[in-house]
Amino acid sequence: MPEGNKLLLQRGALAFSHPFKDPPVKLPDWMKEKSASLPSQPSQPNLF
C-alpha cells in the first residue's frame, strides 16, 4: 500500500477493496453506509 494511502487511512479515510466487488454504481451507497458508522466530525466553520 502506498504511503499516502496509509496516511489517509490514519486520518479517517474509508478503505475498500480493489477492485470494488460490486458494480461501480453501488459505490455511493456503500460510502453512505460506511460513513454513517463513523464518529461525527466537527463541521468546518464558514469562511464568510
PDB file of N, CA and C in Angstrom:
ATOM      1  N   MET A   1       0.855  -1.174   0.000  1.00  0.00           N
ATOM      2  CA  MET A   1       0.000   0.000   0.000  1.00  0.00           C
ATOM      3  C   MET A   1       0.901   1.237   0.000  1.00  0.00           C
ATOM      4  N   PRO A   2       0.620   2.199  -0.881  1.00  0.00           N
ATOM      5  CA  PRO A   2       1.410   3.424  -0.906  1.00  0.00           C
ATOM      6  C   PRO A   2       1.320   4.189   0.417  1.00  0.00           C
ATOM      7  N   GLU A   3       2.391   4.886   0.742  1.00  0.00           N
ATOM      8  CA  GLU A   3       2.459   5.641   1.999  1.00  0.00           C
ATOM      9  C   GLU A   3       1.337   6.668   2.112  1.00  0.00           C
ATOM     10  N   GLY A   4       1.003   7.331   0.999  1.00  0.00           N
ATOM     11  CA  GLY A   4      -0.075   8.322   1.019  1.00  0.00           C
ATOM     12  C   GLY A   4      -1.404   7.711   1.425  1.00  0.00           C
ATOM     13  N   ASN A   5      -1.664   6.497   0.960  1.00  0.00           N
ATOM     14  CA  ASN A   5      -2.914   5.823   1.330  1.00  0.00           C
ATOM     15  C   ASN A   5      -2.937   5.504   2.826  1.00  0.00           C
ATOM     16  N   LYS A   6      -1.799   5.113   3.350  1.00  0.00           N
ATOM     17  CA  LYS A   6      -1.721   4.822   4.788  1.00  0.00           C
ATOM     18  C   LYS A   6      -2.045   6.076   5.603  1.00  0.00           C
ATOM     19  N   LEU A   7      -1.520   7.211   5.160  1.00  0.00           N
ATOM     20  CA  LEU A   7      -1.796   8.463   5.866  1.00  0.00           C
ATOM     21  C   LEU A   7      -3.277   8.835   5.787  1.00  0.00           C
ATOM     22  N   LEU A   8      -3.881   8.621   4.635  1.00  0.00           N
ATOM     23  CA  LEU A   8      -5.314   8.902   4.504  1.00  0.00           C
ATOM     24  C   LEU A   8      -6.126   8.040   5.454  1.00  0.00           C
ATOM     25  N   LEU A   9      -5.784   6.772   5.557  1.00  0.00           N
ATOM     26  CA  LEU A   9      -6.496   5.873   6.475  1.00  0.00           C
ATOM     27  C   LEU A   9      -6.323   6.325   7.918  1.00  0.00           C
ATOM     28  N   GLN A  10      -5.134   6.806   8.274  1.00  0.00           N
ATOM     29  CA  GLN A  10      -4.900   7.298   9.635  1.00  0.00           C
ATOM     30  C   GLN A  10      -5.754   8.523   9.929  1.00  0.00           C
ATOM     31  N   ARG A  11      -6.098   9.272   8.893  1.00  0.00           N
ATOM     32  CA  ARG A  11      -6.902  10.487   9.066  1.00  0.00           C
ATOM     33  C   ARG A  11      -8.398  10.223   8.929  1.00  0.00           C
ATOM     34  N   GLY A  12      -8.774   8.938   8.807  1.00  0.00           N
ATOM     35  CA  GLY A  12     -10.183   8.598   8.806  1.00  0.00           C
ATOM     36  C   GLY A  12     -10.779   8.224   7.464  1.00  0.00           C
ATOM     37  N   ALA A  13      -9.951   8.066   6.440  1.00  0.00           N
ATOM     38  CA  ALA A  13     -10.482   7.654   5.135  1.00  0.00           C
ATOM     39  C   ALA A  13     -11.052   6.248   5.231  1.00  0.00           C
ATOM     40  N   LEU A  14     -11.999   5.962   4.359  1.00  0.00           N
ATOM     41  CA  LEU A  14     -12.586   4.631   4.299  1.00  0.00           C
ATOM     42  C   LEU A  14     -11.812   3.771   3.308  1.00  0.00           C
ATOM     43  N   ALA A  15     -11.447   2.576   3.721  1.00  0.00           N
ATOM     44  CA  ALA A  15     -10.746   1.654   2.833  1.00  0.00           C
ATOM     45  C   ALA A  15     -11.765   0.728   2.170  1.00  0.00           C
ATOM     46  N   PHE A  16     -11.568   0.472   0.897  1.00  0.00           N
ATOM     47  CA  PHE A  16     -12.400  -0.516   0.226  1.00  0.00           C
ATOM     48  C   PHE A  16     -11.524  -1.351  -0.679  1.00  0.00           C
ATOM     49  N   SER A  17     -11.996  -2.550  -0.966  1.00  0.00           N
ATOM     50  CA  SER A  17     -11.194  -3.479  -1.752  1.00  0.00           C
ATOM     51  C   SER A  17     -11.064  -2.995  -3.193  1.00  0.00           C
ATOM     52  N   HIS A  18      -9.938  -3.322  -3.782  1.00  0.00           N
ATOM     53  CA  HIS A  18      -9.713  -3.003  -5.184  1.00  0.00           C
ATOM     54  C   HIS A  18      -9.381  -4.292  -5.898  1.00  0.00           C
ATOM     55  N   PRO A  19     -10.096  -4.679  -6.887  1.00  0.00           N
ATOM     56  CA  PRO A  19     -11.216  -3.935  -7.450  1.00  0.00           C
ATOM     57  C   PRO A  19     -12.446  -4.028  -6.552  1.00  0.00           C
ATOM     58  N   PHE A  20     -13.270  -2.983  -6.621  1.00  0.00           N
ATOM     59  CA  PHE A  20     -14.519  -2.951  -5.856  1.00  0.00           C
ATOM     60  C   PHE A  20     -15.392  -4.086  -6.359  1.00  0.00           C
ATOM     61  N   LYS A  21     -15.875  -4.932  -5.449  1.00  0.00           N
ATOM     62  CA  LYS A  21     -16.558  -6.161  -5.840  1.00  0.00           C
ATOM     63  C   LYS A  21     -17.947  -5.944  -6.423  1.00  0.00           C
ATOM     64  N   ASP A  22     -18.596  -4.840  -6.095  1.00  0.00           N
ATOM     65  CA  ASP A  22     -19.929  -4.547  -6.616  1.00  0.00           C
ATOM     66  C   ASP A  22     -19.806  -3.692  -7.868  1.00  0.00           C
ATOM     67  N   PRO A  23     -20.885  -3.564  -8.619  1.00  0.00           N
ATOM     68  CA  PRO A  23     -20.860  -2.648  -9.776  1.00  0.00           C
ATOM     69  C   PRO A  23     -20.557  -1.223  -9.301  1.00  0.00           C
ATOM     70  N   PRO A  24     -19.833  -0.438 -10.100  1.00  0.00           N
ATOM     71  CA  PRO A  24     -19.471   0.931  -9.684  1.00  0.00           C
ATOM     72  C   PRO A  24     -20.652   1.786  -9.266  1.00  0.00           C
ATOM     73  N   VAL A  25     -21.819   1.538  -9.819  1.00  0.00           N
ATOM     74  CA  VAL A  25     -22.995   2.336  -9.471  1.00  0.00           C
ATOM     75  C   VAL A  25     -23.371   2.171  -7.993  1.00  0.00           C
ATOM     76  N   LYS A  26     -22.905   1.111  -7.339  1.00  0.00           N
ATOM     77  CA  LYS A  26     -23.230   0.871  -5.931  1.00  0.00           C
ATOM     78  C   LYS A  26     -22.244   1.544  -4.969  1.00  0.00           C
ATOM     79  N   LEU A  27     -21.174   2.111  -5.483  1.00  0.00           N
ATOM     80  CA  LEU A  27     -20.178   2.732  -4.617  1.00  0.00           C
ATOM     81  C   LEU A  27     -20.750   3.867  -3.762  1.00  0.00           C
ATOM     82  N   PRO A  28     -21.573   4.788  -4.297  1.00  0.00           N
ATOM     83  CA  PRO A  28     -22.136   5.834  -3.427  1.00  0.00           C
ATOM     84  C   PRO A  28     -22.942   5.275  -2.255  1.00  0.00           C
ATOM     85  N   ASP A  29     -23.716   4.228  -2.494  1.00  0.00           N
ATOM     86  CA  ASP A  29     -24.491   3.618  -1.407  1.00  0.00           C
ATOM     87  C   ASP A  29     -23.555   3.000  -0.368  1.00  0.00           C
ATOM     88  N   TRP A  30     -22.487   2.342  -0.831  1.00  0.00           N
ATOM     89  CA  TRP A  30     -21.512   1.750   0.074  1.00  0.00           C
ATOM     90  C   TRP A  30     -20.879   2.833   0.938  1.00  0.00           C
ATOM     91  N   MET A  31     -20.525   3.961   0.314  1.00  0.00           N
ATOM     92  CA  MET A  31     -19.894   5.056   1.050  1.00  0.00           C
ATOM     93  C   MET A  31     -20.834   5.641   2.096  1.00  0.00           C
ATOM     94  N   LYS A  32     -22.110   5.818   1.753  1.00  0.00           N
ATOM     95  CA  LYS A  32     -23.085   6.338   2.716  1.00  0.00           C
ATOM     96  C   LYS A  32     -23.235   5.393   3.898  1.00  0.00           C
ATOM     97  N   GLU A  33     -23.316   4.094   3.605  1.00  0.00           N
ATOM     98  CA  GLU A  33     -23.473   3.093   4.660  1.00  0.00           C
ATOM     99  C   GLU A  33     -22.272   3.102   5.603  1.00  0.00           C
ATOM    100  N   LYS A  34     -21.070   3.117   5.043  1.00  0.00           N
ATOM    101  CA  LYS A  34     -19.855   3.090   5.868  1.00  0.00           C
ATOM    102  C   LYS A  34     -19.663   4.392   6.639  1.00  0.00           C
ATOM    103  N   SER A  35     -19.949   5.510   6.017  1.00  0.00           N
ATOM    104  CA  SER A  35     -19.724   6.792   6.688  1.00  0.00           C
ATOM    105  C   SER A  35     -20.717   7.014   7.826  1.00  0.00           C
ATOM    106  N   ALA A  36     -21.875   6.376   7.765  1.00  0.00           N
ATOM    107  CA  ALA A  36     -22.854   6.528   8.837  1.00  0.00           C
ATOM    108  C   ALA A  36     -22.339   5.947  10.153  1.00  0.00           C
ATOM    109  N   SER A  37     -21.418   4.988  10.078  1.00  0.00           N
ATOM    110  CA  SER A  37     -20.898   4.364  11.294  1.00  0.00           C
ATOM    111  C   SER A  37     -19.673   5.088  11.849  1.00  0.00           C
ATOM    112  N   LEU A  38     -19.184   6.115  11.151  1.00  0.00           N
ATOM    113  CA  LEU A  38     -18.025   6.866  11.620  1.00  0.00           C
ATOM    114  C   LEU A  38     -18.451   7.879  12.674  1.00  0.00           C
ATOM    115  N   PRO A  39     -17.534   8.199  13.603  1.00  0.00           N
ATOM    116  CA  PRO A  39     -17.867   9.253  14.568  1.00  0.00           C
ATOM    117  C   PRO A  39     -18.072  10.568  13.835  1.00  0.00           C
ATOM    118  N   SER A  40     -18.982  11.366  14.327  1.00  0.00           N
ATOM    119  CA  SER A  40     -19.251  12.635  13.654  1.00  0.00           C
ATOM    120  C   SER A  40     -18.052  13.564  13.793  1.00  0.00           C
ATOM    121  N   GLN A  41     -17.799  14.299  12.753  1.00  0.00           N
ATOM    122  CA  GLN A  41     -16.692  15.241  12.723  1.00  0.00           C
ATOM    123  C   GLN A  41     -17.250  16.647  12.885  1.00  0.00           C
ATOM    124  N   PRO A  42     -16.531  17.516  13.572  1.00  0.00           N
ATOM    125  CA  PRO A  42     -16.997  18.901  13.656  1.00  0.00           C
ATOM    126  C   PRO A  42     -17.015  19.502  12.261  1.00  0.00           C
ATOM    127  N   SER A  43     -18.009  20.321  12.000  1.00  0.00           N
ATOM    128  CA  SER A  43     -18.090  20.937  10.680  1.00  0.00           C
ATOM    129  C   SER A  43     -17.086  22.074  10.571  1.00  0.00           C
ATOM    130  N   GLN A  44     -16.660  22.322   9.365  1.00  0.00           N
ATOM    131  CA  GLN A  44     -15.721  23.408   9.133  1.00  0.00           C
ATOM    132  C   GLN A  44     -16.459  24.732   9.230  1.00  0.00           C
ATOM    133  N   PRO A  45     -15.893  25.692   9.955  1.00  0.00           N
ATOM    134  CA  PRO A  45     -16.577  26.997  10.049  1.00  0.00           C
ATOM    135  C   PRO A  45     -16.634  27.667   8.698  1.00  0.00           C
ATOM    136  N   ASN A  46     -17.650  28.471   8.519  1.00  0.00           N
ATOM    137  CA  ASN A  46     -17.821  29.216   7.283  1.00  0.00           C
ATOM    138  C   ASN A  46     -16.741  30.295   7.192  1.00  0.00           C
ATOM    139  N   LEU A  47     -16.209  30.504   6.003  1.00  0.00           N
ATOM    140  CA  LEU A  47     -15.144  31.495   5.826  1.00  0.00           C
ATOM    141  C   LEU A  47     -15.685  32.908   5.714  1.00  0.00           C
ATOM    142  N   PHE A  48     -16.975  33.050   5.480  1.00  0.00           N
ATOM    143  CA  PHE A  48     -17.555  34.389   5.259  1.00  0.00           C
ATOM    144  C   PHE A  48     -18.686  34.660   6.211  1.00  0.00           C
TER     145      PHE A  48
END
